[in-house]
Amino acid sequence: MIYLAVLAMTLIGAMGAFFLKAGMDRVDSLPALFRTPQIYLGGGFYLAGAGLNILLLHQLDYSVLYPMTAVTYVWSMLLSAAFLGESLTRRKLIGVAAVVLGVAILSR
């Protein structure tokens, strides 16, 4: 159950970055920054992810939880490919596989 919460935390953090990116693609000036809903949505996701991270620190060692936040890279790659049209290259897939392997080793 705790590892599902870690997965949720990393997904929420990745969604925060995704919405900030999507919002910044629409911004052409500082005033526009404050009128872009995706910026607020991204910030909200980031805050929610941080809050869940704080709660998880009560359950897991810092030396285990913090490296597990690298799963955010997996979500980021999938979100960027699905919604931003970014390519999934061999290099990206190998890098993310290495991250997943490292997280699996830590979680045992």
C-alpha atoms as a PDB file:
ATOM      1  CA  MET A   1       0.000   0.000   0.000  1.00  0.00           C
ATOM      2  CA  ILE A   2       2.802   2.414   0.860  1.00  0.00           C
ATOM      3  CA  TYR A   3       4.399   1.882  -2.551  1.00  0.00           C
ATOM      4  CA  LEU A   4       1.118   2.753  -4.273  1.00  0.00           C
ATOM      5  CA  ALA A   5       1.222   6.041  -2.385  1.00  0.00           C
ATOM      6  CA  VAL A   6       4.783   6.576  -3.638  1.00  0.00           C
ATOM      7  CA  LEU A   7       3.611   5.927  -7.214  1.00  0.00           C
ATOM      8  CA  ALA A   8       0.747   8.378  -6.710  1.00  0.00           C
ATOM      9  CA  MET A   9       3.109  11.001  -5.309  1.00  0.00           C
ATOM     10  CA  THR A  10       5.444  10.684  -8.287  1.00  0.00           C
ATOM     11  CA  LEU A  11       2.550  10.824 -10.771  1.00  0.00           C
ATOM     12  CA  ILE A  12       1.140  13.920  -9.100  1.00  0.00           C
ATOM     13  CA  GLY A  13       4.573  15.577  -9.243  1.00  0.00           C
ATOM     14  CA  ALA A  14       4.961  14.701 -12.917  1.00  0.00           C
ATOM     15  CA  MET A  15       1.525  16.124 -13.642  1.00  0.00           C
ATOM     16  CA  GLY A  16       2.593  19.330 -11.929  1.00  0.00           C
ATOM     17  CA  ALA A  17       5.575  19.662 -14.234  1.00  0.00           C
ATOM     18  CA  PHE A  18       3.449  18.689 -17.242  1.00  0.00           C
ATOM     19  CA  PHE A  19       0.856  21.397 -16.613  1.00  0.00           C
ATOM     20  CA  LEU A  20       3.542  23.993 -15.951  1.00  0.00           C
ATOM     21  CA  LYS A  21       5.123  23.098 -19.300  1.00  0.00           C
ATOM     22  CA  ALA A  22       1.747  23.192 -21.052  1.00  0.00           C
ATOM     23  CA  GLY A  23       1.014  26.554 -19.470  1.00  0.00           C
ATOM     24  CA  MET A  24       4.384  28.045 -20.332  1.00  0.00           C
ATOM     25  CA  ASP A  25       3.864  27.085 -23.975  1.00  0.00           C
ATOM     26  CA  ARG A  26       0.943  29.575 -23.934  1.00  0.00           C
ATOM     27  CA  VAL A  27       2.738  32.401 -22.135  1.00  0.00           C
ATOM     28  CA  ASP A  28       4.336  35.244 -24.044  1.00  0.00           C
ATOM     29  CA  SER A  29       4.574  37.846 -21.284  1.00  0.00           C
ATOM     30  CA  LEU A  30       4.698  38.140 -17.512  1.00  0.00           C
ATOM     31  CA  PRO A  31       1.049  39.262 -17.219  1.00  0.00           C
ATOM     32  CA  ALA A  32      -0.028  36.276 -19.337  1.00  0.00           C
ATOM     33  CA  LEU A  33       1.682  34.004 -16.817  1.00  0.00           C
ATOM     34  CA  PHE A  34      -0.880  35.016 -14.197  1.00  0.00           C
ATOM     35  CA  ARG A  35      -3.817  34.485 -16.584  1.00  0.00           C
ATOM     36  CA  THR A  36      -2.903  30.934 -17.590  1.00  0.00           C
ATOM     37  CA  PRO A  37      -4.961  28.252 -15.825  1.00  0.00           C
ATOM     38  CA  GLN A  38      -2.425  25.509 -16.529  1.00  0.00           C
ATOM     39  CA  ILE A  39       0.147  27.367 -14.416  1.00  0.00           C
ATOM     40  CA  TYR A  40      -2.176  27.279 -11.414  1.00  0.00           C
ATOM     41  CA  LEU A  41      -3.079  23.658 -12.076  1.00  0.00           C
ATOM     42  CA  GLY A  42       0.603  22.724 -12.282  1.00  0.00           C
ATOM     43  CA  GLY A  43       1.327  24.565  -9.048  1.00  0.00           C
ATOM     44  CA  GLY A  44      -1.575  22.803  -7.357  1.00  0.00           C
ATOM     45  CA  PHE A  45      -0.315  19.401  -8.450  1.00  0.00           C
ATOM     46  CA  TYR A  46       3.182  20.277  -7.240  1.00  0.00           C
ATOM     47  CA  LEU A  47       1.825  21.286  -3.829  1.00  0.00           C
ATOM     48  CA  ALA A  48      -0.271  18.116  -3.588  1.00  0.00           C
ATOM     49  CA  GLY A  49       2.750  15.991  -4.499  1.00  0.00           C
ATOM     50  CA  ALA A  50       4.877  17.777  -1.927  1.00  0.00           C
ATOM     51  CA  GLY A  51       2.210  17.252   0.735  1.00  0.00           C
ATOM     52  CA  LEU A  52       2.039  13.549  -0.020  1.00  0.00           C
ATOM     53  CA  ASN A  53       5.838  13.395   0.037  1.00  0.00           C
ATOM     54  CA  ILE A  54       5.839  14.909   3.532  1.00  0.00           C
ATOM     55  CA  LEU A  55       3.312  12.331   4.713  1.00  0.00           C
ATOM     56  CA  LEU A  56       5.337   9.504   3.187  1.00  0.00           C
ATOM     57  CA  LEU A  57       8.462  10.673   5.012  1.00  0.00           C
ATOM     58  CA  HIS A  58       6.701   9.571   8.180  1.00  0.00           C
ATOM     59  CA  GLN A  59       6.385   6.030   6.783  1.00  0.00           C
ATOM     60  CA  LEU A  60       9.652   5.485   4.890  1.00  0.00           C
ATOM     61  CA  ASP A  61      13.303   6.274   5.459  1.00  0.00           C
ATOM     62  CA  TYR A  62      14.471   9.400   3.660  1.00  0.00           C
ATOM     63  CA  SER A  63      17.284   7.381   2.068  1.00  0.00           C
ATOM     64  CA  VAL A  64      14.634   5.139   0.470  1.00  0.00           C
ATOM     65  CA  LEU A  65      11.847   7.606  -0.339  1.00  0.00           C
ATOM     66  CA  TYR A  66      13.890  10.368  -1.904  1.00  0.00           C
ATOM     67  CA  PRO A  67      15.559   8.156  -4.543  1.00  0.00           C
ATOM     68  CA  MET A  68      12.138   6.646  -5.295  1.00  0.00           C
ATOM     69  CA  THR A  69      10.957  10.063  -6.453  1.00  0.00           C
ATOM     70  CA  ALA A  70      12.989   9.281  -9.593  1.00  0.00           C
ATOM     71  CA  VAL A  71       9.900   7.383 -10.788  1.00  0.00           C
ATOM     72  CA  THR A  72       8.704  10.867 -11.738  1.00  0.00           C
ATOM     73  CA  TYR A  73      10.984  10.504 -14.781  1.00  0.00           C
ATOM     74  CA  VAL A  74       8.915   7.547 -15.971  1.00  0.00           C
ATOM     75  CA  TRP A  75       5.664   9.489 -15.718  1.00  0.00           C
ATOM     76  CA  SER A  76       7.226  12.562 -17.327  1.00  0.00           C
ATOM     77  CA  MET A  77       8.426  10.564 -20.307  1.00  0.00           C
ATOM     78  CA  LEU A  78       5.008   8.955 -20.785  1.00  0.00           C
ATOM     79  CA  LEU A  79       3.096  12.234 -20.395  1.00  0.00           C
ATOM     80  CA  SER A  80       5.402  14.094 -22.780  1.00  0.00           C
ATOM     81  CA  ALA A  81       5.090  11.360 -25.412  1.00  0.00           C
ATOM     82  CA  ALA A  82       1.310  11.071 -25.080  1.00  0.00           C
ATOM     83  CA  PHE A  83       0.359  14.741 -24.861  1.00  0.00           C
ATOM     84  CA  LEU A  84       3.279  16.871 -26.058  1.00  0.00           C
ATOM     85  CA  GLY A  85       4.290  14.787 -29.047  1.00  0.00           C
ATOM     86  CA  GLU A  86       7.810  14.165 -27.772  1.00  0.00           C
ATOM     87  CA  SER A  87       9.546  11.071 -29.093  1.00  0.00           C
ATOM     88  CA  LEU A  88      10.426   7.968 -27.112  1.00  0.00           C
ATOM     89  CA  THR A  89      14.002   7.336 -28.147  1.00  0.00           C
ATOM     90  CA  ARG A  90      16.069   4.295 -27.349  1.00  0.00           C
ATOM     91  CA  ARG A  91      18.280   6.405 -25.088  1.00  0.00           C
ATOM     92  CA  LYS A  92      15.285   7.671 -23.098  1.00  0.00           C
ATOM     93  CA  LEU A  93      13.885   4.163 -22.709  1.00  0.00           C
ATOM     94  CA  ILE A  94      17.229   2.779 -21.520  1.00  0.00           C
ATOM     95  CA  GLY A  95      17.610   5.629 -19.044  1.00  0.00           C
ATOM     96  CA  VAL A  96      14.140   5.164 -17.627  1.00  0.00           C
ATOM     97  CA  ALA A  97      14.669   1.396 -17.414  1.00  0.00           C
ATOM     98  CA  ALA A  98      17.789   2.067 -15.335  1.00  0.00           C
ATOM     99  CA  VAL A  99      15.759   4.328 -13.036  1.00  0.00           C
ATOM    100  CA  VAL A 100      13.076   1.663 -12.607  1.00  0.00           C
ATOM    101  CA  LEU A 101      15.719  -0.964 -11.844  1.00  0.00           C
ATOM    102  CA  GLY A 102      17.283   1.294  -9.220  1.00  0.00           C
ATOM    103  CA  VAL A 103      13.938   1.970  -7.573  1.00  0.00           C
ATOM    104  CA  ALA A 104      13.131  -1.758  -7.549  1.00  0.00           C
ATOM    105  CA  ILE A 105      16.450  -2.469  -5.827  1.00  0.00           C
ATOM    106  CA  LEU A 106      15.781   0.201  -3.195  1.00  0.00           C
ATOM    107  CA  SER A 107      12.245  -0.934  -2.465  1.00  0.00           C
ATOM    108  CA  ARG A 108      13.251  -4.444  -1.424  1.00  0.00           C
END
